[in-house]
Amino acid sequence: MQVSIEELVSIFKRNIERDNLRNTPSRITILKAAYSHKGHFTAETIYNAVKGEAQSVSLATVYNTLDLLQQYGLVRAHKFGNQHTEYEATLGYAQHDHMICLDCDKVIEFCDPRIQMIRETMGEILEFQIEKHALNLYGHCQKASCEKAL
């Protein structure tokens, strides 16, 4: 289920107004860039995407806006093993997990319904209301396409 850009902007604006923050064109531009990007992205990726159209956007503004988007549940931040943070859009996207190659840092997304079943079962057994989860599996690519395979 994809969410329209108009819905995203509306959700973001409601959160900003609730928190008595300024609704700036730069923040909206960054939100749109984050949701137009497919897959994982870095703050630098978003900065490079918007700096031509929004000249007043600094890298610090991108980081601060991504922090807000994360706080509002609109993006999720990951540190997969490399030193930089990667983000991904979350609203309207299916829950998924990640496999990360320790050689080339490639991130492979996957979804397996059995993980959801384990989540629900463990929540019932331990009387715990699970809100979200993150599963990252680290290993080595077995495909010849791995740039740094051993």
C-alpha atoms as a PDB file:
ATOM      1  CA  MET A   1       0.000   0.000   0.000  1.00  0.00           C
ATOM      2  CA  GLN A   2       1.707   3.144  -1.205  1.00  0.00           C
ATOM      3  CA  VAL A   3       0.918   6.473   0.396  1.00  0.00           C
ATOM      4  CA  SER A   4       0.599   9.554  -1.794  1.00  0.00           C
ATOM      5  CA  ILE A   5       3.007  12.455  -1.441  1.00  0.00           C
ATOM      6  CA  GLU A   6       0.071  14.661  -0.442  1.00  0.00           C
ATOM      7  CA  GLU A   7      -0.784  12.294   2.438  1.00  0.00           C
ATOM      8  CA  LEU A   8       2.865  12.205   3.544  1.00  0.00           C
ATOM      9  CA  VAL A   9       3.122  15.974   3.531  1.00  0.00           C
ATOM     10  CA  SER A  10      -0.138  16.231   5.472  1.00  0.00           C
ATOM     11  CA  ILE A  11       1.062  13.765   8.130  1.00  0.00           C
ATOM     12  CA  PHE A  12       4.393  15.562   8.412  1.00  0.00           C
ATOM     13  CA  LYS A  13       2.741  18.988   8.692  1.00  0.00           C
ATOM     14  CA  ARG A  14       0.374  17.770  11.421  1.00  0.00           C
ATOM     15  CA  ASN A  15       3.333  16.474  13.437  1.00  0.00           C
ATOM     16  CA  ILE A  16       5.309  19.669  12.955  1.00  0.00           C
ATOM     17  CA  GLU A  17       2.352  21.849  13.987  1.00  0.00           C
ATOM     18  CA  ARG A  18       1.674  19.650  17.026  1.00  0.00           C
ATOM     19  CA  ASP A  19       5.289  20.118  18.113  1.00  0.00           C
ATOM     20  CA  ASN A  20       5.190  23.876  17.384  1.00  0.00           C
ATOM     21  CA  LEU A  21       7.938  23.611  14.771  1.00  0.00           C
ATOM     22  CA  ARG A  22       8.212  25.608  11.569  1.00  0.00           C
ATOM     23  CA  ASN A  23       6.879  24.128   8.366  1.00  0.00           C
ATOM     24  CA  THR A  24       9.600  25.089   5.898  1.00  0.00           C
ATOM     25  CA  PRO A  25       9.795  24.378   2.168  1.00  0.00           C
ATOM     26  CA  SER A  26      13.202  22.747   2.762  1.00  0.00           C
ATOM     27  CA  ARG A  27      11.717  20.160   5.109  1.00  0.00           C
ATOM     28  CA  ILE A  28       8.978  19.300   2.624  1.00  0.00           C
ATOM     29  CA  THR A  29      11.545  19.026  -0.198  1.00  0.00           C
ATOM     30  CA  ILE A  30      13.633  16.628   1.902  1.00  0.00           C
ATOM     31  CA  LEU A  31      10.557  14.534   2.779  1.00  0.00           C
ATOM     32  CA  LYS A  32       9.628  14.254  -0.903  1.00  0.00           C
ATOM     33  CA  ALA A  33      13.194  13.336  -1.867  1.00  0.00           C
ATOM     34  CA  ALA A  34      13.310  10.620   0.800  1.00  0.00           C
ATOM     35  CA  TYR A  35      10.103   9.072  -0.526  1.00  0.00           C
ATOM     36  CA  SER A  36      11.075   9.360  -4.174  1.00  0.00           C
ATOM     37  CA  HIS A  37      14.253   7.377  -3.511  1.00  0.00           C
ATOM     38  CA  LYS A  38      13.995   3.626  -3.984  1.00  0.00           C
ATOM     39  CA  GLY A  39      15.600   1.527  -1.262  1.00  0.00           C
ATOM     40  CA  HIS A  40      18.119   2.714   1.296  1.00  0.00           C
ATOM     41  CA  PHE A  41      19.697   6.150   1.163  1.00  0.00           C
ATOM     42  CA  THR A  42      22.102   8.318   3.117  1.00  0.00           C
ATOM     43  CA  ALA A  43      21.744  11.921   4.192  1.00  0.00           C
ATOM     44  CA  GLU A  44      24.359  12.788   1.566  1.00  0.00           C
ATOM     45  CA  THR A  45      22.242  11.111  -1.128  1.00  0.00           C
ATOM     46  CA  ILE A  46      19.254  13.278  -0.194  1.00  0.00           C
ATOM     47  CA  TYR A  47      21.422  16.395   0.066  1.00  0.00           C
ATOM     48  CA  ASN A  48      22.788  15.808  -3.452  1.00  0.00           C
ATOM     49  CA  ALA A  49      19.259  15.221  -4.754  1.00  0.00           C
ATOM     50  CA  VAL A  50      17.833  18.471  -3.350  1.00  0.00           C
ATOM     51  CA  LYS A  51      20.706  20.963  -3.365  1.00  0.00           C
ATOM     52  CA  GLY A  52      19.974  22.063  -6.934  1.00  0.00           C
ATOM     53  CA  GLU A  53      16.284  22.756  -6.389  1.00  0.00           C
ATOM     54  CA  ALA A  54      16.463  24.062  -2.823  1.00  0.00           C
ATOM     55  CA  GLN A  55      19.584  26.192  -2.615  1.00  0.00           C
ATOM     56  CA  SER A  56      19.082  27.032   1.054  1.00  0.00           C
ATOM     57  CA  VAL A  57      19.293  23.373   2.101  1.00  0.00           C
ATOM     58  CA  SER A  58      22.447  22.449   3.971  1.00  0.00           C
ATOM     59  CA  LEU A  59      23.620  18.981   4.909  1.00  0.00           C
ATOM     60  CA  ALA A  60      22.803  19.860   8.529  1.00  0.00           C
ATOM     61  CA  THR A  61      19.218  20.665   7.493  1.00  0.00           C
ATOM     62  CA  VAL A  62      18.980  17.256   5.814  1.00  0.00           C
ATOM     63  CA  TYR A  63      20.247  15.477   8.935  1.00  0.00           C
ATOM     64  CA  ASN A  64      17.902  17.446  11.196  1.00  0.00           C
ATOM     65  CA  THR A  65      14.921  16.775   8.940  1.00  0.00           C
ATOM     66  CA  LEU A  66      15.754  13.065   8.723  1.00  0.00           C
ATOM     67  CA  ASP A  67      15.842  13.019  12.537  1.00  0.00           C
ATOM     68  CA  LEU A  68      12.345  14.553  12.566  1.00  0.00           C
ATOM     69  CA  LEU A  69      11.112  12.075   9.956  1.00  0.00           C
ATOM     70  CA  GLN A  70      12.489   9.246  12.055  1.00  0.00           C
ATOM     71  CA  GLN A  71      10.842  10.647  15.202  1.00  0.00           C
ATOM     72  CA  TYR A  72       7.516  10.752  13.345  1.00  0.00           C
ATOM     73  CA  GLY A  73       7.870   7.203  12.039  1.00  0.00           C
ATOM     74  CA  LEU A  74       8.239   8.266   8.421  1.00  0.00           C
ATOM     75  CA  VAL A  75      11.779   6.937   7.954  1.00  0.00           C
ATOM     76  CA  ARG A  76      13.878   4.332   9.731  1.00  0.00           C
ATOM     77  CA  ALA A  77      17.620   4.620  10.327  1.00  0.00           C
ATOM     78  CA  HIS A  78      19.993   1.667  10.049  1.00  0.00           C
ATOM     79  CA  LYS A  79      23.662   1.100  10.802  1.00  0.00           C
ATOM     80  CA  PHE A  80      24.421  -2.112   8.994  1.00  0.00           C
ATOM     81  CA  GLY A  81      28.102  -2.503   9.750  1.00  0.00           C
ATOM     82  CA  ASN A  82      29.623   0.230   7.694  1.00  0.00           C
ATOM     83  CA  GLN A  83      30.164   3.465   9.547  1.00  0.00           C
ATOM     84  CA  HIS A  84      27.440   5.617   7.970  1.00  0.00           C
ATOM     85  CA  THR A  85      23.738   5.649   8.698  1.00  0.00           C
ATOM     86  CA  GLU A  86      21.355   4.541   5.987  1.00  0.00           C
ATOM     87  CA  TYR A  87      17.676   5.435   5.965  1.00  0.00           C
ATOM     88  CA  GLU A  88      14.595   4.033   4.318  1.00  0.00           C
ATOM     89  CA  ALA A  89      11.050   5.250   3.902  1.00  0.00           C
ATOM     90  CA  THR A  90       8.616   3.356   6.130  1.00  0.00           C
ATOM     91  CA  LEU A  91       5.074   4.643   5.703  1.00  0.00           C
ATOM     92  CA  GLY A  92       3.224   2.523   3.181  1.00  0.00           C
ATOM     93  CA  TYR A  93       6.065   0.026   2.842  1.00  0.00           C
ATOM     94  CA  ALA A  94       5.865  -3.585   3.972  1.00  0.00           C
ATOM     95  CA  GLN A  95       7.804  -4.801   6.993  1.00  0.00           C
ATOM     96  CA  HIS A  96      10.988  -6.466   5.836  1.00  0.00           C
ATOM     97  CA  ASP A  97      14.340  -7.580   7.162  1.00  0.00           C
ATOM     98  CA  HIS A  98      17.914  -7.398   5.900  1.00  0.00           C
ATOM     99  CA  MET A  99      20.884  -9.567   4.988  1.00  0.00           C
ATOM    100  CA  ILE A 100      24.195  -7.688   4.895  1.00  0.00           C
ATOM    101  CA  CYS A 101      27.341  -8.942   3.173  1.00  0.00           C
ATOM    102  CA  LEU A 102      30.376  -8.442   5.399  1.00  0.00           C
ATOM    103  CA  ASP A 103      32.606  -8.320   2.309  1.00  0.00           C
ATOM    104  CA  CYS A 104      30.913  -5.797   0.011  1.00  0.00           C
ATOM    105  CA  ASP A 105      28.344  -4.196   2.396  1.00  0.00           C
ATOM    106  CA  LYS A 106      25.515  -5.101   0.005  1.00  0.00           C
ATOM    107  CA  VAL A 107      22.119  -5.010   1.728  1.00  0.00           C
ATOM    108  CA  ILE A 108      19.484  -7.485   0.584  1.00  0.00           C
ATOM    109  CA  GLU A 109      15.915  -6.936   1.753  1.00  0.00           C
ATOM    110  CA  PHE A 110      13.674  -9.933   2.330  1.00  0.00           C
ATOM    111  CA  CYS A 111      10.278 -10.677   3.785  1.00  0.00           C
ATOM    112  CA  ASP A 112       9.308 -14.017   5.278  1.00  0.00           C
ATOM    113  CA  PRO A 113       5.863 -14.423   6.886  1.00  0.00           C
ATOM    114  CA  ARG A 114       7.301 -16.926   9.369  1.00  0.00           C
ATOM    115  CA  ILE A 115       9.099 -14.048  11.107  1.00  0.00           C
ATOM    116  CA  GLN A 116       5.765 -12.316  11.680  1.00  0.00           C
ATOM    117  CA  MET A 117       4.377 -15.568  13.105  1.00  0.00           C
ATOM    118  CA  ILE A 118       7.357 -15.883  15.478  1.00  0.00           C
ATOM    119  CA  ARG A 119       6.838 -12.276  16.546  1.00  0.00           C
ATOM    120  CA  GLU A 120       3.173 -12.867  17.344  1.00  0.00           C
ATOM    121  CA  THR A 121       3.832 -16.164  19.102  1.00  0.00           C
ATOM    122  CA  MET A 122       6.612 -14.742  21.280  1.00  0.00           C
ATOM    123  CA  GLY A 123       4.455 -11.749  22.145  1.00  0.00           C
ATOM    124  CA  GLU A 124       1.669 -14.051  23.333  1.00  0.00           C
ATOM    125  CA  ILE A 125       3.969 -16.401  25.256  1.00  0.00           C
ATOM    126  CA  LEU A 126       5.845 -13.600  27.001  1.00  0.00           C
ATOM    127  CA  GLU A 127       2.787 -11.340  27.349  1.00  0.00           C
ATOM    128  CA  PHE A 128       4.557  -8.586  25.482  1.00  0.00           C
ATOM    129  CA  GLN A 129       3.049  -6.087  23.033  1.00  0.00           C
ATOM    130  CA  ILE A 130       5.555  -5.945  20.179  1.00  0.00           C
ATOM    131  CA  GLU A 131       5.413  -2.654  18.295  1.00  0.00           C
ATOM    132  CA  LYS A 132       8.194  -3.207  15.777  1.00  0.00           C
ATOM    133  CA  HIS A 133      11.226  -5.328  15.106  1.00  0.00           C
ATOM    134  CA  ALA A 134      14.466  -5.280  13.162  1.00  0.00           C
ATOM    135  CA  LEU A 135      16.265  -8.369  11.965  1.00  0.00           C
ATOM    136  CA  ASN A 136      19.679  -8.028  10.348  1.00  0.00           C
ATOM    137  CA  LEU A 137      21.553 -11.126   9.227  1.00  0.00           C
ATOM    138  CA  TYR A 138      25.280 -10.686   8.551  1.00  0.00           C
ATOM    139  CA  GLY A 139      27.294 -13.045   6.379  1.00  0.00           C
ATOM    140  CA  HIS A 140      29.096 -13.453   3.078  1.00  0.00           C
ATOM    141  CA  CYS A 141      27.678 -13.316  -0.451  1.00  0.00           C
ATOM    142  CA  GLN A 142      27.820 -16.706  -2.115  1.00  0.00           C
ATOM    143  CA  LYS A 143      27.193 -15.268  -5.564  1.00  0.00           C
ATOM    144  CA  ALA A 144      29.900 -14.489  -8.063  1.00  0.00           C
ATOM    145  CA  SER A 145      28.474 -10.964  -8.285  1.00  0.00           C
ATOM    146  CA  CYS A 146      29.888 -10.094  -4.835  1.00  0.00           C
ATOM    147  CA  GLU A 147      32.571  -7.531  -5.518  1.00  0.00           C
ATOM    148  CA  LYS A 148      34.790  -8.690  -2.673  1.00  0.00           C
ATOM    149  CA  ALA A 149      33.894 -12.356  -2.208  1.00  0.00           C
ATOM    150  CA  LEU A 150      36.556 -14.469  -0.558  1.00  0.00           C
END
